[in-house]
């Protein structure tokens, strides 16, 4: 818990297999980074964001189109800020963005 900066209740619930609806991508990366041999939190976050951006590039996908494709109330500016790490992104939001990009690239 000290390594992640998260409270005990959150870490224990995740360890027990429960989902944390509001778990941020940053917190998830912090948890993953505690595993020996795993990159640090910031490296994980950079890799995740880079993966999204590369998927957008591969699919010739801009943030306006991506925002329309996501099943949620996202504006293009918010999507861009979340992908770039300038605004927080939950794991659930990441999954929505990743799924929308993957669907576009499968066309």
N, C-alpha and C. Protein backbone atom coordinates (compact mmCIF):
# COMPACT_ATOMS: atom_id res chain seq x y z
N UNK A 1 0.82 -1.18 0.00
CA UNK A 1 0.00 0.00 0.00
C UNK A 1 0.86 1.25 0.00
N UNK A 2 1.95 1.19 0.74
CA UNK A 2 2.84 2.34 0.76
C UNK A 2 3.44 2.58 -0.62
N UNK A 3 3.71 1.52 -1.34
CA UNK A 3 4.29 1.65 -2.67
C UNK A 3 3.32 2.25 -3.68
N UNK A 4 2.04 2.04 -3.47
CA UNK A 4 1.04 2.51 -4.43
C UNK A 4 0.47 3.88 -4.08
N UNK A 5 0.49 4.23 -2.81
CA UNK A 5 -0.15 5.46 -2.38
C UNK A 5 -1.65 5.32 -2.22
N UNK A 6 -2.15 4.09 -2.34
CA UNK A 6 -3.58 3.84 -2.21
C UNK A 6 -3.92 3.44 -0.78
N UNK A 7 -5.19 3.62 -0.42
CA UNK A 7 -5.61 3.22 0.92
C UNK A 7 -5.76 1.70 0.99
N UNK A 8 -5.69 1.19 2.20
CA UNK A 8 -5.73 -0.25 2.45
C UNK A 8 -7.00 -0.88 1.88
N UNK A 9 -8.13 -0.26 2.07
CA UNK A 9 -9.41 -0.83 1.63
C UNK A 9 -9.42 -1.05 0.11
N UNK A 10 -8.92 -0.08 -0.64
CA UNK A 10 -8.89 -0.20 -2.10
C UNK A 10 -7.99 -1.34 -2.53
N UNK A 11 -6.79 -1.40 -1.96
CA UNK A 11 -5.83 -2.45 -2.33
C UNK A 11 -6.38 -3.82 -1.97
N UNK A 12 -6.96 -3.96 -0.79
CA UNK A 12 -7.50 -5.25 -0.37
C UNK A 12 -8.67 -5.69 -1.24
N UNK A 13 -9.53 -4.75 -1.62
CA UNK A 13 -10.68 -5.13 -2.46
C UNK A 13 -10.21 -5.58 -3.84
N UNK A 14 -9.20 -4.93 -4.37
CA UNK A 14 -8.66 -5.34 -5.67
C UNK A 14 -7.97 -6.69 -5.56
N UNK A 15 -7.22 -6.89 -4.48
CA UNK A 15 -6.54 -8.17 -4.24
C UNK A 15 -7.54 -9.31 -4.09
N UNK A 16 -8.73 -9.00 -3.57
CA UNK A 16 -9.78 -10.01 -3.40
C UNK A 16 -10.58 -10.25 -4.68
N UNK A 17 -10.21 -9.55 -5.75
CA UNK A 17 -10.87 -9.76 -7.03
C UNK A 17 -12.06 -8.86 -7.28
N UNK A 18 -12.32 -7.95 -6.36
CA UNK A 18 -13.43 -7.02 -6.56
C UNK A 18 -12.98 -5.93 -7.52
N UNK A 19 -13.94 -5.37 -8.22
CA UNK A 19 -13.61 -4.28 -9.12
C UNK A 19 -13.82 -2.96 -8.41
N UNK A 20 -12.95 -2.03 -8.69
CA UNK A 20 -13.08 -0.68 -8.15
C UNK A 20 -13.56 0.20 -9.30
N UNK A 21 -14.83 0.55 -9.25
CA UNK A 21 -15.45 1.29 -10.36
C UNK A 21 -14.73 2.58 -10.70
N UNK A 22 -14.17 3.20 -9.69
CA UNK A 22 -13.55 4.50 -9.92
C UNK A 22 -12.02 4.43 -9.92
N UNK A 23 -11.46 3.25 -10.10
CA UNK A 23 -10.01 3.09 -10.09
C UNK A 23 -9.41 3.84 -11.28
N UNK A 24 -8.47 4.71 -10.98
CA UNK A 24 -7.85 5.47 -12.06
C UNK A 24 -6.78 4.64 -12.74
N UNK A 25 -6.47 5.03 -13.95
CA UNK A 25 -5.41 4.36 -14.70
C UNK A 25 -4.09 4.52 -13.96
N UNK A 26 -3.89 5.68 -13.36
CA UNK A 26 -2.67 5.94 -12.59
C UNK A 26 -2.56 5.00 -11.40
N UNK A 27 -3.67 4.80 -10.68
CA UNK A 27 -3.66 3.89 -9.53
C UNK A 27 -3.42 2.44 -9.98
N UNK A 28 -4.04 2.06 -11.09
CA UNK A 28 -3.83 0.70 -11.60
C UNK A 28 -2.37 0.49 -11.98
N UNK A 29 -1.76 1.50 -12.59
CA UNK A 29 -0.34 1.41 -12.95
C UNK A 29 0.53 1.32 -11.70
N UNK A 30 0.14 2.04 -10.65
CA UNK A 30 0.90 1.99 -9.40
C UNK A 30 0.85 0.59 -8.79
N UNK A 31 -0.31 -0.04 -8.87
CA UNK A 31 -0.45 -1.41 -8.36
C UNK A 31 0.40 -2.37 -9.19
N UNK A 32 0.32 -2.26 -10.50
CA UNK A 32 1.10 -3.14 -11.36
C UNK A 32 2.60 -2.96 -11.14
N UNK A 33 3.02 -1.75 -10.86
CA UNK A 33 4.45 -1.45 -10.70
C UNK A 33 5.04 -2.05 -9.44
N UNK A 34 4.20 -2.54 -8.53
CA UNK A 34 4.74 -3.15 -7.30
C UNK A 34 5.30 -4.55 -7.55
N UNK A 35 4.92 -5.15 -8.65
CA UNK A 35 5.42 -6.50 -9.00
C UNK A 35 6.89 -6.41 -9.40
N UNK A 36 7.68 -7.27 -8.83
CA UNK A 36 9.11 -7.27 -9.14
C UNK A 36 9.33 -7.54 -10.63
N UNK A 37 10.20 -6.76 -11.23
CA UNK A 37 10.51 -6.92 -12.64
C UNK A 37 9.58 -6.16 -13.56
N UNK A 38 8.60 -5.47 -12.99
CA UNK A 38 7.66 -4.69 -13.77
C UNK A 38 8.16 -3.25 -13.84
N UNK A 39 7.94 -2.57 -14.97
CA UNK A 39 8.38 -1.17 -15.06
C UNK A 39 7.71 -0.30 -14.00
N UNK A 40 8.26 0.88 -13.79
CA UNK A 40 7.69 1.83 -12.84
C UNK A 40 6.36 2.36 -13.36
N UNK A 41 5.60 2.92 -12.44
CA UNK A 41 4.26 3.43 -12.75
C UNK A 41 4.28 4.37 -13.96
N UNK A 42 5.18 5.33 -13.96
CA UNK A 42 5.22 6.31 -15.05
C UNK A 42 5.52 5.66 -16.39
N UNK A 43 6.37 4.65 -16.39
CA UNK A 43 6.69 3.94 -17.63
C UNK A 43 5.47 3.17 -18.13
N UNK A 44 4.73 2.58 -17.21
CA UNK A 44 3.50 1.86 -17.59
C UNK A 44 2.50 2.83 -18.20
N UNK A 45 2.32 3.98 -17.56
CA UNK A 45 1.38 4.98 -18.07
C UNK A 45 1.78 5.47 -19.46
N UNK A 46 3.06 5.73 -19.65
CA UNK A 46 3.53 6.17 -20.96
C UNK A 46 3.27 5.11 -22.03
N UNK A 47 3.50 3.87 -21.68
CA UNK A 47 3.28 2.77 -22.63
C UNK A 47 1.79 2.64 -22.98
N UNK A 48 0.94 2.75 -21.98
CA UNK A 48 -0.50 2.65 -22.21
C UNK A 48 -0.99 3.78 -23.10
N UNK A 49 -0.55 4.99 -22.81
CA UNK A 49 -0.96 6.15 -23.61
C UNK A 49 -0.41 6.05 -25.03
N UNK A 50 0.84 5.61 -25.14
CA UNK A 50 1.45 5.44 -26.46
C UNK A 50 0.68 4.41 -27.27
N UNK A 51 0.24 3.36 -26.62
CA UNK A 51 -0.53 2.31 -27.29
C UNK A 51 -1.83 2.89 -27.87
N UNK A 52 -2.50 3.73 -27.10
CA UNK A 52 -3.73 4.36 -27.59
C UNK A 52 -3.44 5.26 -28.78
N UNK A 53 -2.40 6.08 -28.66
CA UNK A 53 -2.05 7.00 -29.74
C UNK A 53 -1.64 6.25 -31.01
N UNK A 54 -0.90 5.17 -30.85
CA UNK A 54 -0.50 4.37 -32.02
C UNK A 54 -1.72 3.72 -32.67
N UNK A 55 -2.67 3.28 -31.85
CA UNK A 55 -3.90 2.72 -32.39
C UNK A 55 -4.69 3.75 -33.17
N UNK A 56 -4.71 4.97 -32.66
CA UNK A 56 -5.40 6.05 -33.37
C UNK A 56 -4.69 6.34 -34.70
N UNK A 57 -3.37 6.32 -34.68
CA UNK A 57 -2.61 6.58 -35.90
C UNK A 57 -2.84 5.48 -36.92
N UNK A 58 -2.81 4.24 -36.48
CA UNK A 58 -3.02 3.11 -37.37
C UNK A 58 -4.39 3.18 -38.03
N UNK A 59 -5.39 3.56 -37.24
CA UNK A 59 -6.75 3.63 -37.75
C UNK A 59 -7.12 4.96 -38.37
N UNK A 60 -6.13 5.86 -38.50
CA UNK A 60 -6.40 7.21 -39.01
C UNK A 60 -7.59 7.82 -38.30
N UNK A 61 -7.53 7.78 -36.99
CA UNK A 61 -8.64 8.14 -36.13
C UNK A 61 -8.33 9.43 -35.38
N UNK A 62 -9.19 10.43 -35.50
CA UNK A 62 -8.99 11.67 -34.75
C UNK A 62 -9.88 11.66 -33.50
N UNK A 63 -9.63 12.60 -32.60
CA UNK A 63 -10.35 12.60 -31.32
C UNK A 63 -11.84 12.89 -31.50
N UNK A 64 -12.21 13.66 -32.52
CA UNK A 64 -13.63 13.93 -32.75
C UNK A 64 -14.37 12.64 -33.11
N UNK A 65 -13.79 11.86 -34.00
CA UNK A 65 -14.39 10.59 -34.39
C UNK A 65 -14.40 9.62 -33.22
N UNK A 66 -13.30 9.58 -32.50
CA UNK A 66 -13.20 8.68 -31.35
C UNK A 66 -14.26 9.03 -30.30
N UNK A 67 -14.44 10.31 -30.03
CA UNK A 67 -15.44 10.74 -29.05
C UNK A 67 -16.84 10.30 -29.47
N UNK A 68 -17.14 10.37 -30.76
CA UNK A 68 -18.45 9.92 -31.25
C UNK A 68 -18.61 8.40 -31.14
N UNK A 69 -17.50 7.67 -31.32
CA UNK A 69 -17.56 6.21 -31.29
C UNK A 69 -17.68 5.62 -29.89
N UNK A 70 -17.26 6.39 -28.89
CA UNK A 70 -17.28 5.88 -27.52
C UNK A 70 -18.69 5.95 -26.97
N UNK A 71 -19.11 4.87 -26.34
CA UNK A 71 -20.42 4.85 -25.70
C UNK A 71 -20.31 5.54 -24.35
N UNK A 72 -20.45 6.83 -24.34
CA UNK A 72 -20.34 7.61 -23.11
C UNK A 72 -20.48 9.07 -23.44
N UNK A 73 -20.41 9.88 -22.44
CA UNK A 73 -20.55 11.32 -22.62
C UNK A 73 -19.18 11.98 -22.69
N UNK A 74 -18.45 11.71 -23.75
CA UNK A 74 -17.12 12.27 -23.93
C UNK A 74 -17.13 13.33 -25.02
N UNK A 75 -16.49 14.44 -24.74
CA UNK A 75 -16.25 15.43 -25.78
C UNK A 75 -14.84 15.19 -26.30
N UNK A 76 -14.58 15.62 -27.51
CA UNK A 76 -13.27 15.39 -28.13
C UNK A 76 -12.14 15.94 -27.28
N UNK A 77 -12.32 17.13 -26.73
CA UNK A 77 -11.27 17.74 -25.91
C UNK A 77 -10.97 16.87 -24.68
N UNK A 78 -12.02 16.35 -24.05
CA UNK A 78 -11.83 15.50 -22.87
C UNK A 78 -11.10 14.22 -23.23
N UNK A 79 -11.46 13.62 -24.36
CA UNK A 79 -10.79 12.40 -24.81
C UNK A 79 -9.31 12.68 -25.04
N UNK A 80 -9.02 13.77 -25.71
CA UNK A 80 -7.62 14.12 -25.99
C UNK A 80 -6.84 14.33 -24.70
N UNK A 81 -7.43 15.06 -23.75
CA UNK A 81 -6.74 15.32 -22.49
C UNK A 81 -6.49 14.03 -21.71
N UNK A 82 -7.44 13.14 -21.73
CA UNK A 82 -7.28 11.86 -21.01
C UNK A 82 -6.19 11.00 -21.66
N UNK A 83 -6.20 10.93 -22.98
CA UNK A 83 -5.20 10.12 -23.68
C UNK A 83 -3.80 10.68 -23.46
N UNK A 84 -3.68 12.00 -23.46
CA UNK A 84 -2.38 12.64 -23.28
C UNK A 84 -1.93 12.67 -21.83
N UNK A 85 -2.81 12.31 -20.90
CA UNK A 85 -2.45 12.31 -19.49
C UNK A 85 -2.61 13.66 -18.82
N UNK A 86 -3.26 14.60 -19.48
CA UNK A 86 -3.49 15.91 -18.88
C UNK A 86 -4.75 15.95 -18.03
N UNK A 87 -5.56 14.92 -18.13
CA UNK A 87 -6.76 14.77 -17.31
C UNK A 87 -6.79 13.32 -16.83
N UNK A 88 -7.33 13.08 -15.64
CA UNK A 88 -7.37 11.70 -15.14
C UNK A 88 -8.29 10.82 -16.00
N UNK A 89 -7.91 9.56 -16.07
CA UNK A 89 -8.70 8.58 -16.81
C UNK A 89 -8.91 7.36 -15.92
N UNK A 90 -10.14 6.92 -15.82
CA UNK A 90 -10.41 5.71 -15.04
C UNK A 90 -10.09 4.50 -15.90
N UNK A 91 -9.96 3.36 -15.26
CA UNK A 91 -9.72 2.12 -16.00
C UNK A 91 -10.92 1.84 -16.91
N UNK A 92 -12.11 2.15 -16.44
CA UNK A 92 -13.30 1.95 -17.26
C UNK A 92 -13.26 2.83 -18.51
N UNK A 93 -12.86 4.10 -18.35
CA UNK A 93 -12.75 4.99 -19.51
C UNK A 93 -11.68 4.49 -20.48
N UNK A 94 -10.56 4.02 -19.92
CA UNK A 94 -9.51 3.46 -20.76
C UNK A 94 -10.06 2.31 -21.60
N UNK A 95 -10.83 1.44 -20.97
CA UNK A 95 -11.39 0.30 -21.68
C UNK A 95 -12.31 0.76 -22.81
N UNK A 96 -13.11 1.79 -22.56
CA UNK A 96 -14.00 2.31 -23.60
C UNK A 96 -13.20 2.87 -24.78
N UNK A 97 -12.18 3.65 -24.47
CA UNK A 97 -11.35 4.25 -25.52
C UNK A 97 -10.62 3.16 -26.30
N UNK A 98 -10.02 2.24 -25.57
CA UNK A 98 -9.27 1.15 -26.22
C UNK A 98 -10.19 0.33 -27.12
N UNK A 99 -11.38 0.03 -26.64
CA UNK A 99 -12.34 -0.76 -27.42
C UNK A 99 -12.75 -0.01 -28.69
N UNK A 100 -13.03 1.27 -28.57
CA UNK A 100 -13.43 2.06 -29.73
C UNK A 100 -12.32 2.09 -30.78
N UNK A 101 -11.08 2.24 -30.33
CA UNK A 101 -9.94 2.25 -31.26
C UNK A 101 -9.80 0.88 -31.92
N UNK A 102 -9.90 -0.18 -31.14
CA UNK A 102 -9.76 -1.53 -31.68
C UNK A 102 -10.85 -1.83 -32.70
N UNK A 103 -12.07 -1.40 -32.43
CA UNK A 103 -13.16 -1.63 -33.37
C UNK A 103 -12.90 -0.91 -34.69
N UNK A 104 -12.40 0.32 -34.60
CA UNK A 104 -12.08 1.08 -35.81
C UNK A 104 -11.00 0.39 -36.62
N UNK A 105 -10.01 -0.14 -35.93
CA UNK A 105 -8.88 -0.77 -36.62
C UNK A 105 -9.24 -2.13 -37.21
N UNK A 106 -10.35 -2.72 -36.76
CA UNK A 106 -10.80 -4.01 -37.30
C UNK A 106 -11.65 -3.85 -38.55
N UNK A 107 -11.96 -2.63 -38.91
CA UNK A 107 -12.82 -2.39 -40.09
C UNK A 107 -12.07 -2.60 -41.36
